[in-house]
Amino acid sequence: MSSASAMSSELRVLRARGEPLWRHADPRRMLAGLWSYRGLIWQMTRRDVQARHRGSHLGGLWTLLTPMLLLGVYTLVFSTILRVRFERSASAGVGTYAVTLFTSMMVYAMFAEPLSRAPMLVAARPNFVKKMVFPLEILPVCALLGAMGVSLAALAVTLGVHLVMGGGATPWMLAFPAVLVPLVLVSLGAGWILATLGVFVQDLQQLSAVIMQRVLFFLTPIFYPPENVPEQFRWMLHINPMSAVVEGGRRTLLWGEAPDWTALGIWSAIGAGMCIGGYACFMKARRGFADVM
């Protein structure tokens, strides 16, 4: 056997072995790795936000105009035509319902937008896989941070409107970051899993978009209070992580109430497991990305 053939055989063996899955499932290693790329994560996130409306005349204003247009339609349908009300603001007008609805939509958007894009984060960047050494694991992180930045900016405007309309500022607003903990953990875990599967399953992008923007959107209590759901169907709210997050966002930001700490704690624990497992699966599978792209 020639030396070249022997070297090729050795490289194939080394490539096939890789690192065991459990080594990637070390949360300290995961955090250290992501922290080492913090500068690149910031640059990629900023570029992603700036590229959203590049070339349009209104630019970043579309970030607020698009959800506001949807808000007007949803408010008309659910508040005026169907006359849906939240119990804590049942005596208030359409304006209060609109603020409540917009807050719920922006919280949900932090979760839905990055997961809708997740299957194509790696699949749409073959150069990152084949022609350069790039930390692909940061792509779901950048997608989540970009969505959170846009949604938090819109929430800041919404809170300003809420205060102008007579809503009070309460200490429970400081608890809002705790409400986002399960959202971040579940989003990252699911994002790494979807980004991995998206390389091998081409139709996953369409399926993910339908689930996030249609199915889960209406199964989350965004337009309606959880109390309106019949008892026999409320189990669907309990298995939906965004139910506790959206409800917690309304309670802390608008109603001056404590969130459901039990539900948030449960989903934070589940999200931590998903985050570590999703990262480990992504890092293990990335060795095969170049073979299918």
Foldseek 3Di string as FASTA:
>chain_A
DDPVVVVVVVVVVVLVVPDDLVVLLDVVVVVVVVVVCVVVLVVLLVVVLQPPQPPDPVRPVCLQVVVVVVLVVLLCCLCVPVNFDDPVQSVPDSVVLSLLLLLLVLLLQLQQFLQLCLLCQDVVCLCCQPPDPDDSLSSSVSRSVNSNVSSVVNNVVSLVVLVVVPFDAAPLLVCLVLLCLLSVLQSLLSSLQSNLVSLVDVCSSVVSNCCSVPVVVVLAQSSHQLVPDDPVPSVSLLVRLSNQSSQQSCCRRGVRHHGPVVSSVVSSVVSNVSNSSSSSVNVVRSSCSNVRD
